[in-house]
Amino acid sequence: MAAETLAGAERAGTGQVLDEPGAPESAEVQPPAEELASVRDTVQRLRTAYPSVDPATVEAAVTAAYDSFRGARVRNYVPILAERRSRKALAAAFRAVPGPARKGEAEG
């Protein structure tokens, strides 16, 4: 779910938009507005939780996590699952950063 997708669906004000009129039912549809709001909230929470990580990296992690659930038929838990997946990816990246560059970790 690219940032352009988020912005485009937000401007359109609709949840379910087909790419082309008359496209088959399997065509990709835009996520509902509530889910787009959840994506923005998740990005904000994770930017706060990982201040030393580049904001674009945080957004990319959240976008990738949401995209991994694109085919999910039941959408109720997608925001929770995507946030968990994003946190896991960012935590792994945070641990990979060399010592002095990391913020919020006790020195020892």
PDB file of N, CA and C in Angstrom:
ATOM      1  N   MET A   1       0.870  -1.163   0.000  1.00  0.00           N
ATOM      2  CA  MET A   1       0.000   0.000   0.000  1.00  0.00           C
ATOM      3  C   MET A   1       0.914   1.222   0.000  1.00  0.00           C
ATOM      4  N   ALA A   2       1.165   1.750  -1.128  1.00  0.00           N
ATOM      5  CA  ALA A   2       2.075   2.881  -1.276  1.00  0.00           C
ATOM      6  C   ALA A   2       1.449   4.148  -0.724  1.00  0.00           C
ATOM      7  N   ALA A   3       2.307   5.110  -0.424  1.00  0.00           N
ATOM      8  CA  ALA A   3       1.822   6.389   0.103  1.00  0.00           C
ATOM      9  C   ALA A   3       0.874   7.039  -0.888  1.00  0.00           C
ATOM     10  N   GLU A   4       1.144   6.852  -2.189  1.00  0.00           N
ATOM     11  CA  GLU A   4       0.253   7.413  -3.205  1.00  0.00           C
ATOM     12  C   GLU A   4      -1.136   6.787  -3.091  1.00  0.00           C
ATOM     13  N   THR A   5      -1.175   5.496  -2.790  1.00  0.00           N
ATOM     14  CA  THR A   5      -2.448   4.806  -2.618  1.00  0.00           C
ATOM     15  C   THR A   5      -3.192   5.378  -1.428  1.00  0.00           C
ATOM     16  N   LEU A   6      -2.461   5.601  -0.344  1.00  0.00           N
ATOM     17  CA  LEU A   6      -3.087   6.159   0.853  1.00  0.00           C
ATOM     18  C   LEU A   6      -3.675   7.530   0.549  1.00  0.00           C
ATOM     19  N   ALA A   7      -2.897   8.376  -0.092  1.00  0.00           N
ATOM     20  CA  ALA A   7      -3.356   9.728  -0.383  1.00  0.00           C
ATOM     21  C   ALA A   7      -4.486   9.716  -1.400  1.00  0.00           C
ATOM     22  N   GLY A   8      -4.386   8.873  -2.415  1.00  0.00           N
ATOM     23  CA  GLY A   8      -5.410   8.828  -3.454  1.00  0.00           C
ATOM     24  C   GLY A   8      -6.751   8.373  -2.925  1.00  0.00           C
ATOM     25  N   ALA A   9      -6.766   7.342  -2.112  1.00  0.00           N
ATOM     26  CA  ALA A   9      -8.022   6.841  -1.561  1.00  0.00           C
ATOM     27  C   ALA A   9      -8.599   7.848  -0.578  1.00  0.00           C
ATOM     28  N   GLU A  10      -7.716   8.538   0.117  1.00  0.00           N
ATOM     29  CA  GLU A  10      -8.189   9.533   1.078  1.00  0.00           C
ATOM     30  C   GLU A  10      -8.886  10.677   0.345  1.00  0.00           C
ATOM     31  N   ARG A  11      -8.315  11.117  -0.776  1.00  0.00           N
ATOM     32  CA  ARG A  11      -8.934  12.195  -1.540  1.00  0.00           C
ATOM     33  C   ARG A  11     -10.255  11.746  -2.141  1.00  0.00           C
ATOM     34  N   ALA A  12     -10.309  10.491  -2.584  1.00  0.00           N
ATOM     35  CA  ALA A  12     -11.526   9.990  -3.216  1.00  0.00           C
ATOM     36  C   ALA A  12     -12.651   9.841  -2.207  1.00  0.00           C
ATOM     37  N   GLY A  13     -12.295   9.578  -0.947  1.00  0.00           N
ATOM     38  CA  GLY A  13     -13.306   9.463   0.096  1.00  0.00           C
ATOM     39  C   GLY A  13     -14.113   8.180   0.015  1.00  0.00           C
ATOM     40  N   THR A  14     -13.612   7.203  -0.718  1.00  0.00           N
ATOM     41  CA  THR A  14     -14.321   5.937  -0.819  1.00  0.00           C
ATOM     42  C   THR A  14     -13.431   4.821  -0.334  1.00  0.00           C
ATOM     43  N   GLY A  15     -14.044   3.734   0.058  1.00  0.00           N
ATOM     44  CA  GLY A  15     -13.279   2.606   0.542  1.00  0.00           C
ATOM     45  C   GLY A  15     -12.982   1.590  -0.543  1.00  0.00           C
ATOM     46  N   GLN A  16     -13.927   1.309  -1.419  1.00  0.00           N
ATOM     47  CA  GLN A  16     -13.780   0.254  -2.402  1.00  0.00           C
ATOM     48  C   GLN A  16     -13.826   0.860  -3.802  1.00  0.00           C
ATOM     49  N   VAL A  17     -12.670   0.996  -4.431  1.00  0.00           N
ATOM     50  CA  VAL A  17     -12.596   1.577  -5.766  1.00  0.00           C
ATOM     51  C   VAL A  17     -11.859   0.602  -6.660  1.00  0.00           C
ATOM     52  N   LEU A  18     -12.466   0.212  -7.773  1.00  0.00           N
ATOM     53  CA  LEU A  18     -11.789  -0.647  -8.729  1.00  0.00           C
ATOM     54  C   LEU A  18     -10.869   0.193  -9.593  1.00  0.00           C
ATOM     55  N   ASP A  19      -9.784  -0.411 -10.050  1.00  0.00           N
ATOM     56  CA  ASP A  19      -8.839   0.300 -10.901  1.00  0.00           C
ATOM     57  C   ASP A  19      -9.474   0.714 -12.228  1.00  0.00           C
ATOM     58  N   GLU A  20     -10.239  -0.179 -12.836  1.00  0.00           N
ATOM     59  CA  GLU A  20     -10.864   0.102 -14.126  1.00  0.00           C
ATOM     60  C   GLU A  20     -12.336  -0.271 -14.076  1.00  0.00           C
ATOM     61  N   PRO A  21     -13.188   0.516 -14.685  1.00  0.00           N
ATOM     62  CA  PRO A  21     -14.590   0.098 -14.760  1.00  0.00           C
ATOM     63  C   PRO A  21     -14.689  -1.189 -15.573  1.00  0.00           C
ATOM     64  N   GLY A  22     -15.503  -2.108 -15.109  1.00  0.00           N
ATOM     65  CA  GLY A  22     -15.681  -3.370 -15.793  1.00  0.00           C
ATOM     66  C   GLY A  22     -14.561  -4.363 -15.550  1.00  0.00           C
ATOM     67  N   ALA A  23     -13.647  -4.045 -14.624  1.00  0.00           N
ATOM     68  CA  ALA A  23     -12.551  -4.958 -14.314  1.00  0.00           C
ATOM     69  C   ALA A  23     -13.101  -6.183 -13.596  1.00  0.00           C
ATOM     70  N   PRO A  24     -12.430  -7.312 -13.732  1.00  0.00           N
ATOM     71  CA  PRO A  24     -12.904  -8.508 -13.046  1.00  0.00           C
ATOM     72  C   PRO A  24     -12.893  -8.318 -11.536  1.00  0.00           C
ATOM     73  N   GLU A  25     -13.677  -9.144 -10.840  1.00  0.00           N
ATOM     74  CA  GLU A  25     -13.796  -9.011  -9.393  1.00  0.00           C
ATOM     75  C   GLU A  25     -12.474  -9.201  -8.673  1.00  0.00           C
ATOM     76  N   SER A  26     -11.528  -9.885  -9.277  1.00  0.00           N
ATOM     77  CA  SER A  26     -10.246 -10.124  -8.639  1.00  0.00           C
ATOM     78  C   SER A  26      -9.344  -8.892  -8.675  1.00  0.00           C
ATOM     79  N   ALA A  27      -9.801  -7.797  -9.304  1.00  0.00           N
ATOM     80  CA  ALA A  27      -8.994  -6.580  -9.374  1.00  0.00           C
ATOM     81  C   ALA A  27      -8.751  -6.041  -7.971  1.00  0.00           C
ATOM     82  N   GLU A  28      -7.617  -5.399  -7.811  1.00  0.00           N
ATOM     83  CA  GLU A  28      -7.251  -4.857  -6.508  1.00  0.00           C
ATOM     84  C   GLU A  28      -8.197  -3.719  -6.131  1.00  0.00           C
ATOM     85  N   VAL A  29      -8.650  -3.727  -4.889  1.00  0.00           N
ATOM     86  CA  VAL A  29      -9.528  -2.677  -4.390  1.00  0.00           C
ATOM     87  C   VAL A  29      -8.786  -1.878  -3.332  1.00  0.00           C
ATOM     88  N   GLN A  30      -9.190  -0.644  -3.172  1.00  0.00           N
ATOM     89  CA  GLN A  30      -8.584   0.214  -2.157  1.00  0.00           C
ATOM     90  C   GLN A  30      -9.071  -0.212  -0.780  1.00  0.00           C
ATOM     91  N   PRO A  31      -8.218  -0.116   0.221  1.00  0.00           N
ATOM     92  CA  PRO A  31      -8.642  -0.454   1.577  1.00  0.00           C
ATOM     93  C   PRO A  31      -9.685   0.543   2.075  1.00  0.00           C
ATOM     94  N   PRO A  32     -10.520   0.122   3.015  1.00  0.00           N
ATOM     95  CA  PRO A  32     -11.522   1.040   3.580  1.00  0.00           C
ATOM     96  C   PRO A  32     -10.850   2.221   4.281  1.00  0.00           C
ATOM     97  N   ALA A  33     -11.576   3.304   4.418  1.00  0.00           N
ATOM     98  CA  ALA A  33     -11.042   4.525   5.040  1.00  0.00           C
ATOM     99  C   ALA A  33     -10.547   4.262   6.456  1.00  0.00           C
ATOM    100  N   GLU A  34     -11.251   3.406   7.198  1.00  0.00           N
ATOM    101  CA  GLU A  34     -10.835   3.103   8.573  1.00  0.00           C
ATOM    102  C   GLU A  34      -9.456   2.450   8.596  1.00  0.00           C
ATOM    103  N   GLU A  35      -9.211   1.598   7.608  1.00  0.00           N
ATOM    104  CA  GLU A  35      -7.922   0.926   7.545  1.00  0.00           C
ATOM    105  C   GLU A  35      -6.819   1.913   7.175  1.00  0.00           C
ATOM    106  N   LEU A  36      -7.113   2.844   6.293  1.00  0.00           N
ATOM    107  CA  LEU A  36      -6.122   3.870   5.936  1.00  0.00           C
ATOM    108  C   LEU A  36      -5.778   4.730   7.145  1.00  0.00           C
ATOM    109  N   ALA A  37      -6.777   5.058   7.947  1.00  0.00           N
ATOM    110  CA  ALA A  37      -6.535   5.825   9.171  1.00  0.00           C
ATOM    111  C   ALA A  37      -5.666   5.017  10.128  1.00  0.00           C
ATOM    112  N   SER A  38      -5.902   3.728  10.189  1.00  0.00           N
ATOM    113  CA  SER A  38      -5.114   2.857  11.045  1.00  0.00           C
ATOM    114  C   SER A  38      -3.656   2.807  10.595  1.00  0.00           C
ATOM    115  N   VAL A  39      -3.434   2.828   9.296  1.00  0.00           N
ATOM    116  CA  VAL A  39      -2.070   2.838   8.755  1.00  0.00           C
ATOM    117  C   VAL A  39      -1.355   4.103   9.212  1.00  0.00           C
ATOM    118  N   ARG A  40      -2.020   5.247   9.076  1.00  0.00           N
ATOM    119  CA  ARG A  40      -1.404   6.513   9.502  1.00  0.00           C
ATOM    120  C   ARG A  40      -1.105   6.500  11.000  1.00  0.00           C
ATOM    121  N   ASP A  41      -2.039   5.975  11.800  1.00  0.00           N
ATOM    122  CA  ASP A  41      -1.828   5.898  13.248  1.00  0.00           C
ATOM    123  C   ASP A  41      -0.655   4.993  13.588  1.00  0.00           C
ATOM    124  N   THR A  42      -0.564   3.878  12.887  1.00  0.00           N
ATOM    125  CA  THR A  42       0.532   2.943  13.119  1.00  0.00           C
ATOM    126  C   THR A  42       1.869   3.591  12.798  1.00  0.00           C
ATOM    127  N   VAL A  43       1.939   4.298  11.684  1.00  0.00           N
ATOM    128  CA  VAL A  43       3.180   4.976  11.309  1.00  0.00           C
ATOM    129  C   VAL A  43       3.571   5.982  12.394  1.00  0.00           C
ATOM    130  N   GLN A  44       2.619   6.747  12.887  1.00  0.00           N
ATOM    131  CA  GLN A  44       2.913   7.730  13.936  1.00  0.00           C
ATOM    132  C   GLN A  44       3.412   7.060  15.213  1.00  0.00           C
ATOM    133  N   ARG A  45       2.741   5.987  15.641  1.00  0.00           N
ATOM    134  CA  ARG A  45       3.167   5.279  16.860  1.00  0.00           C
ATOM    135  C   ARG A  45       4.574   4.724  16.714  1.00  0.00           C
ATOM    136  N   LEU A  46       4.869   4.160  15.553  1.00  0.00           N
ATOM    137  CA  LEU A  46       6.184   3.558  15.363  1.00  0.00           C
ATOM    138  C   LEU A  46       7.278   4.609  15.183  1.00  0.00           C
ATOM    139  N   ARG A  47       6.944   5.758  14.624  1.00  0.00           N
ATOM    140  CA  ARG A  47       7.932   6.852  14.557  1.00  0.00           C
ATOM    141  C   ARG A  47       8.303   7.307  15.961  1.00  0.00           C
ATOM    142  N   THR A  48       7.313   7.331  16.846  1.00  0.00           N
ATOM    143  CA  THR A  48       7.565   7.712  18.242  1.00  0.00           C
ATOM    144  C   THR A  48       8.367   6.631  18.953  1.00  0.00           C
ATOM    145  N   ALA A  49       8.027   5.373  18.695  1.00  0.00           N
ATOM    146  CA  ALA A  49       8.704   4.260  19.360  1.00  0.00           C
ATOM    147  C   ALA A  49      10.141   4.073  18.875  1.00  0.00           C
ATOM    148  N   TYR A  50      10.424   4.442  17.635  1.00  0.00           N
ATOM    149  CA  TYR A  50      11.751   4.277  17.052  1.00  0.00           C
ATOM    150  C   TYR A  50      12.239   5.606  16.490  1.00  0.00           C
ATOM    151  N   PRO A  51      12.545   6.579  17.360  1.00  0.00           N
ATOM    152  CA  PRO A  51      12.938   7.914  16.884  1.00  0.00           C
ATOM    153  C   PRO A  51      14.262   7.930  16.115  1.00  0.00           C
ATOM    154  N   SER A  52      15.118   6.940  16.339  1.00  0.00           N
ATOM    155  CA  SER A  52      16.401   6.937  15.640  1.00  0.00           C
ATOM    156  C   SER A  52      16.312   6.322  14.247  1.00  0.00           C
ATOM    157  N   VAL A  53      15.171   5.727  13.927  1.00  0.00           N
ATOM    158  CA  VAL A  53      14.984   5.130  12.603  1.00  0.00           C
ATOM    159  C   VAL A  53      14.400   6.185  11.676  1.00  0.00           C
ATOM    160  N   ASP A  54      14.918   6.234  10.467  1.00  0.00           N
ATOM    161  CA  ASP A  54      14.444   7.188   9.465  1.00  0.00           C
ATOM    162  C   ASP A  54      12.934   7.040   9.264  1.00  0.00           C
ATOM    163  N   PRO A  55      12.175   8.150   9.277  1.00  0.00           N
ATOM    164  CA  PRO A  55      10.716   8.066   9.090  1.00  0.00           C
ATOM    165  C   PRO A  55      10.301   7.343   7.807  1.00  0.00           C
ATOM    166  N   ALA A  56      11.077   7.483   6.755  1.00  0.00           N
ATOM    167  CA  ALA A  56      10.752   6.780   5.505  1.00  0.00           C
ATOM    168  C   ALA A  56      10.883   5.271   5.686  1.00  0.00           C
ATOM    169  N   THR A  57      11.832   4.851   6.503  1.00  0.00           N
ATOM    170  CA  THR A  57      12.009   3.428   6.785  1.00  0.00           C
ATOM    171  C   THR A  57      10.829   2.897   7.576  1.00  0.00           C
ATOM    172  N   VAL A  58      10.369   3.684   8.540  1.00  0.00           N
ATOM    173  CA  VAL A  58       9.197   3.278   9.331  1.00  0.00           C
ATOM    174  C   VAL A  58       7.990   3.135   8.420  1.00  0.00           C
ATOM    175  N   GLU A  59       7.772   4.114   7.569  1.00  0.00           N
ATOM    176  CA  GLU A  59       6.633   4.067   6.659  1.00  0.00           C
ATOM    177  C   GLU A  59       6.738   2.884   5.704  1.00  0.00           C
ATOM    178  N   ALA A  60       7.935   2.605   5.233  1.00  0.00           N
ATOM    179  CA  ALA A  60       8.135   1.463   4.333  1.00  0.00           C
ATOM    180  C   ALA A  60       7.846   0.145   5.044  1.00  0.00           C
ATOM    181  N   ALA A  61       8.247   0.034   6.301  1.00  0.00           N
ATOM    182  CA  ALA A  61       7.983  -1.188   7.069  1.00  0.00           C
ATOM    183  C   ALA A  61       6.491  -1.402   7.262  1.00  0.00           C
ATOM    184  N   VAL A  62       5.777  -0.328   7.582  1.00  0.00           N
ATOM    185  CA  VAL A  62       4.327  -0.429   7.778  1.00  0.00           C
ATOM    186  C   VAL A  62       3.639  -0.757   6.455  1.00  0.00           C
ATOM    187  N   THR A  63       4.058  -0.106   5.393  1.00  0.00           N
ATOM    188  CA  THR A  63       3.473  -0.363   4.074  1.00  0.00           C
ATOM    189  C   THR A  63       3.691  -1.814   3.659  1.00  0.00           C
ATOM    190  N   ALA A  64       4.903  -2.321   3.858  1.00  0.00           N
ATOM    191  CA  ALA A  64       5.198  -3.715   3.512  1.00  0.00           C
ATOM    192  C   ALA A  64       4.357  -4.679   4.343  1.00  0.00           C
ATOM    193  N   ALA A  65       4.187  -4.368   5.619  1.00  0.00           N
ATOM    194  CA  ALA A  65       3.389  -5.236   6.484  1.00  0.00           C
ATOM    195  C   ALA A  65       1.936  -5.266   6.027  1.00  0.00           C
ATOM    196  N   TYR A  66       1.371  -4.102   5.722  1.00  0.00           N
ATOM    197  CA  TYR A  66      -0.015  -4.062   5.237  1.00  0.00           C
ATOM    198  C   TYR A  66      -0.141  -4.764   3.889  1.00  0.00           C
ATOM    199  N   ASP A  67       0.830  -4.574   3.025  1.00  0.00           N
ATOM    200  CA  ASP A  67       0.791  -5.225   1.715  1.00  0.00           C
ATOM    201  C   ASP A  67       0.815  -6.745   1.842  1.00  0.00           C
ATOM    202  N   SER A  68       1.476  -7.248   2.878  1.00  0.00           N
ATOM    203  CA  SER A  68       1.544  -8.702   3.043  1.00  0.00           C
ATOM    204  C   SER A  68       0.172  -9.303   3.371  1.00  0.00           C
ATOM    205  N   PHE A  69      -0.753  -8.465   3.820  1.00  0.00           N
ATOM    206  CA  PHE A  69      -2.107  -8.926   4.139  1.00  0.00           C
ATOM    207  C   PHE A  69      -3.120  -8.483   3.078  1.00  0.00           C
ATOM    208  N   ARG A  70      -2.637  -8.087   1.926  1.00  0.00           N
ATOM    209  CA  ARG A  70      -3.504  -7.570   0.869  1.00  0.00           C
ATOM    210  C   ARG A  70      -4.615  -8.545   0.485  1.00  0.00           C
ATOM    211  N   GLY A  71      -4.303  -9.829   0.434  1.00  0.00           N
ATOM    212  CA  GLY A  71      -5.284 -10.818   0.010  1.00  0.00           C
ATOM    213  C   GLY A  71      -6.182 -11.338   1.119  1.00  0.00           C
ATOM    214  N   ALA A  72      -6.029 -10.821   2.322  1.00  0.00           N
ATOM    215  CA  ALA A  72      -6.826 -11.312   3.449  1.00  0.00           C
ATOM    216  C   ALA A  72      -8.298 -10.982   3.229  1.00  0.00           C
ATOM    217  N   ARG A  73      -9.145 -11.985   3.353  1.00  0.00           N
ATOM    218  CA  ARG A  73     -10.581 -11.767   3.161  1.00  0.00           C
ATOM    219  C   ARG A  73     -11.202 -11.142   4.398  1.00  0.00           C
ATOM    220  N   VAL A  74     -10.759 -11.562   5.562  1.00  0.00           N
ATOM    221  CA  VAL A  74     -11.261 -10.987   6.810  1.00  0.00           C
ATOM    222  C   VAL A  74     -10.285  -9.898   7.209  1.00  0.00           C
ATOM    223  N   ARG A  75     -10.750  -8.658   7.240  1.00  0.00           N
ATOM    224  CA  ARG A  75      -9.879  -7.505   7.437  1.00  0.00           C
ATOM    225  C   ARG A  75      -9.828  -7.011   8.878  1.00  0.00           C
ATOM    226  N   ASN A  76     -10.650  -7.560   9.760  1.00  0.00           N
ATOM    227  CA  ASN A  76     -10.768  -7.043  11.124  1.00  0.00           C
ATOM    228  C   ASN A  76      -9.437  -6.944  11.864  1.00  0.00           C
ATOM    229  N   TYR A  77      -8.576  -7.930  11.693  1.00  0.00           N
ATOM    230  CA  TYR A  77      -7.338  -7.982  12.462  1.00  0.00           C
ATOM    231  C   TYR A  77      -6.110  -7.523  11.683  1.00  0.00           C
ATOM    232  N   VAL A  78      -6.288  -7.110  10.459  1.00  0.00           N
ATOM    233  CA  VAL A  78      -5.155  -6.693   9.634  1.00  0.00           C
ATOM    234  C   VAL A  78      -4.365  -5.560  10.283  1.00  0.00           C
ATOM    235  N   PRO A  79      -5.000  -4.501  10.816  1.00  0.00           N
ATOM    236  CA  PRO A  79      -4.200  -3.441  11.437  1.00  0.00           C
ATOM    237  C   PRO A  79      -3.334  -3.937  12.596  1.00  0.00           C
ATOM    238  N   ILE A  80      -3.870  -4.810  13.423  1.00  0.00           N
ATOM    239  CA  ILE A  80      -3.114  -5.330  14.569  1.00  0.00           C
ATOM    240  C   ILE A  80      -1.954  -6.194  14.079  1.00  0.00           C
ATOM    241  N   LEU A  81      -2.246  -7.096  13.148  1.00  0.00           N
ATOM    242  CA  LEU A  81      -1.208  -7.991  12.640  1.00  0.00           C
ATOM    243  C   LEU A  81      -0.123  -7.227  11.892  1.00  0.00           C
ATOM    244  N   ALA A  82      -0.525  -6.223  11.126  1.00  0.00           N
ATOM    245  CA  ALA A  82       0.450  -5.430  10.382  1.00  0.00           C
ATOM    246  C   ALA A  82       1.335  -4.622  11.338  1.00  0.00           C
ATOM    247  N   GLU A  83       0.752  -4.088  12.401  1.00  0.00           N
ATOM    248  CA  GLU A  83       1.573  -3.340  13.360  1.00  0.00           C
ATOM    249  C   GLU A  83       2.567  -4.261  14.055  1.00  0.00           C
ATOM    250  N   ARG A  84       2.134  -5.445  14.424  1.00  0.00           N
ATOM    251  CA  ARG A  84       3.058  -6.398  15.060  1.00  0.00           C
ATOM    252  C   ARG A  84       4.198  -6.762  14.121  1.00  0.00           C
ATOM    253  N   ARG A  85       3.860  -7.011  12.857  1.00  0.00           N
ATOM    254  CA  ARG A  85       4.886  -7.364  11.880  1.00  0.00           C
ATOM    255  C   ARG A  85       5.851  -6.193  11.674  1.00  0.00           C
ATOM    256  N   SER A  86       5.330  -4.969  11.635  1.00  0.00           N
ATOM    257  CA  SER A  86       6.174  -3.776  11.471  1.00  0.00           C
ATOM    258  C   SER A  86       7.105  -3.606  12.661  1.00  0.00           C
ATOM    259  N   ARG A  87       6.561  -3.762  13.871  1.00  0.00           N
ATOM    260  CA  ARG A  87       7.388  -3.629  15.075  1.00  0.00           C
ATOM    261  C   ARG A  87       8.507  -4.656  15.092  1.00  0.00           C
ATOM    262  N   LYS A  88       8.186  -5.873  14.692  1.00  0.00           N
ATOM    263  CA  LYS A  88       9.188  -6.933  14.670  1.00  0.00           C
ATOM    264  C   LYS A  88      10.309  -6.590  13.686  1.00  0.00           C
ATOM    265  N   ALA A  89       9.960  -6.102  12.507  1.00  0.00           N
ATOM    266  CA  ALA A  89      10.956  -5.735  11.498  1.00  0.00           C
ATOM    267  C   ALA A  89      11.806  -4.559  11.972  1.00  0.00           C
ATOM    268  N   LEU A  90      11.162  -3.562  12.563  1.00  0.00           N
ATOM    269  CA  LEU A  90      11.908  -2.393  13.038  1.00  0.00           C
ATOM    270  C   LEU A  90      12.793  -2.748  14.228  1.00  0.00           C
ATOM    271  N   ALA A  91      12.320  -3.614  15.107  1.00  0.00           N
ATOM    272  CA  ALA A  91      13.132  -4.032  16.246  1.00  0.00           C
ATOM    273  C   ALA A  91      14.379  -4.767  15.766  1.00  0.00           C
ATOM    274  N   ALA A  92      14.220  -5.607  14.755  1.00  0.00           N
ATOM    275  CA  ALA A  92      15.371  -6.322  14.193  1.00  0.00           C
ATOM    276  C   ALA A  92      16.353  -5.342  13.568  1.00  0.00           C
ATOM    277  N   ALA A  93      15.849  -4.346  12.867  1.00  0.00           N
ATOM    278  CA  ALA A  93      16.707  -3.339  12.248  1.00  0.00           C
ATOM    279  C   ALA A  93      17.384  -2.487  13.322  1.00  0.00           C
ATOM    280  N   PHE A  94      16.663  -2.196  14.386  1.00  0.00           N
ATOM    281  CA  PHE A  94      17.202  -1.374  15.477  1.00  0.00           C
ATOM    282  C   PHE A  94      18.362  -2.101  16.146  1.00  0.00           C
ATOM    283  N   ARG A  95      18.225  -3.409  16.346  1.00  0.00           N
ATOM    284  CA  ARG A  95      19.297  -4.188  16.967  1.00  0.00           C
ATOM    285  C   ARG A  95      20.523  -4.267  16.062  1.00  0.00           C
ATOM    286  N   ALA A  96      20.327  -4.140  14.756  1.00  0.00           N
ATOM    287  CA  ALA A  96      21.432  -4.250  13.813  1.00  0.00           C
ATOM    288  C   ALA A  96      22.267  -2.972  13.726  1.00  0.00           C
ATOM    289  N   VAL A  97      21.737  -1.859  14.272  1.00  0.00           N
ATOM    290  CA  VAL A  97      22.458  -0.581  14.219  1.00  0.00           C
ATOM    291  C   VAL A  97      23.601  -0.618  15.223  1.00  0.00           C
ATOM    292  N   PRO A  98      24.809  -0.188  14.835  1.00  0.00           N
ATOM    293  CA  PRO A  98      25.951  -0.177  15.761  1.00  0.00           C
ATOM    294  C   PRO A  98      25.695   0.685  16.988  1.00  0.00           C
ATOM    295  N   GLY A  99      26.326   0.364  18.083  1.00  0.00           N
ATOM    296  CA  GLY A  99      26.157   0.956  19.402  1.00  0.00           C
ATOM    297  C   GLY A  99      25.825   2.432  19.526  1.00  0.00           C
ATOM    298  N   PRO A 100      26.750   3.378  19.271  1.00  0.00           N
ATOM    299  CA  PRO A 100      26.494   4.784  19.575  1.00  0.00           C
ATOM    300  C   PRO A 100      25.329   5.398  18.805  1.00  0.00           C
ATOM    301  N   ALA A 101      24.966   4.853  17.669  1.00  0.00           N
ATOM    302  CA  ALA A 101      23.892   5.421  16.854  1.00  0.00           C
ATOM    303  C   ALA A 101      22.517   5.140  17.460  1.00  0.00           C
ATOM    304  N   ARG A 102      22.418   4.159  18.355  1.00  0.00           N
ATOM    305  CA  ARG A 102      21.138   3.790  18.924  1.00  0.00           C
ATOM    306  C   ARG A 102      20.778   4.715  20.076  1.00  0.00           C
ATOM    307  N   LYS A 103      19.518   5.122  20.103  1.00  0.00           N
ATOM    308  CA  LYS A 103      19.021   5.953  21.195  1.00  0.00           C
ATOM    309  C   LYS A 103      18.163   5.083  22.097  1.00  0.00           C
ATOM    310  N   GLY A 104      18.086   5.477  23.359  1.00  0.00           N
ATOM    311  CA  GLY A 104      17.170   4.821  24.275  1.00  0.00           C
ATOM    312  C   GLY A 104      17.672   3.513  24.846  1.00  0.00           C
ATOM    313  N   GLU A 105      18.901   3.134  24.559  1.00  0.00           N
ATOM    314  CA  GLU A 105      19.431   1.880  25.083  1.00  0.00           C
ATOM    315  C   GLU A 105      20.470   2.207  26.131  1.00  0.00           C
ATOM    316  N   ALA A 106      20.472   1.468  27.224  1.00  0.00           N
ATOM    317  CA  ALA A 106      21.402   1.724  28.322  1.00  0.00           C
ATOM    318  C   ALA A 106      22.834   1.443  27.868  1.00  0.00           C
ATOM    319  N   GLU A 107      23.732   2.315  28.316  1.00  0.00           N
ATOM    320  CA  GLU A 107      25.141   2.117  27.976  1.00  0.00           C
ATOM    321  C   GLU A 107      25.750   1.158  28.967  1.00  0.00           C
ATOM    322  N   GLY A 108      26.649   0.340  28.495  1.00  0.00           N
ATOM    323  CA  GLY A 108      27.206  -0.630  29.426  1.00  0.00           C
ATOM    324  C   GLY A 108      28.529  -1.012  29.110  1.00  0.00           C
TER     325      GLY A 108
END
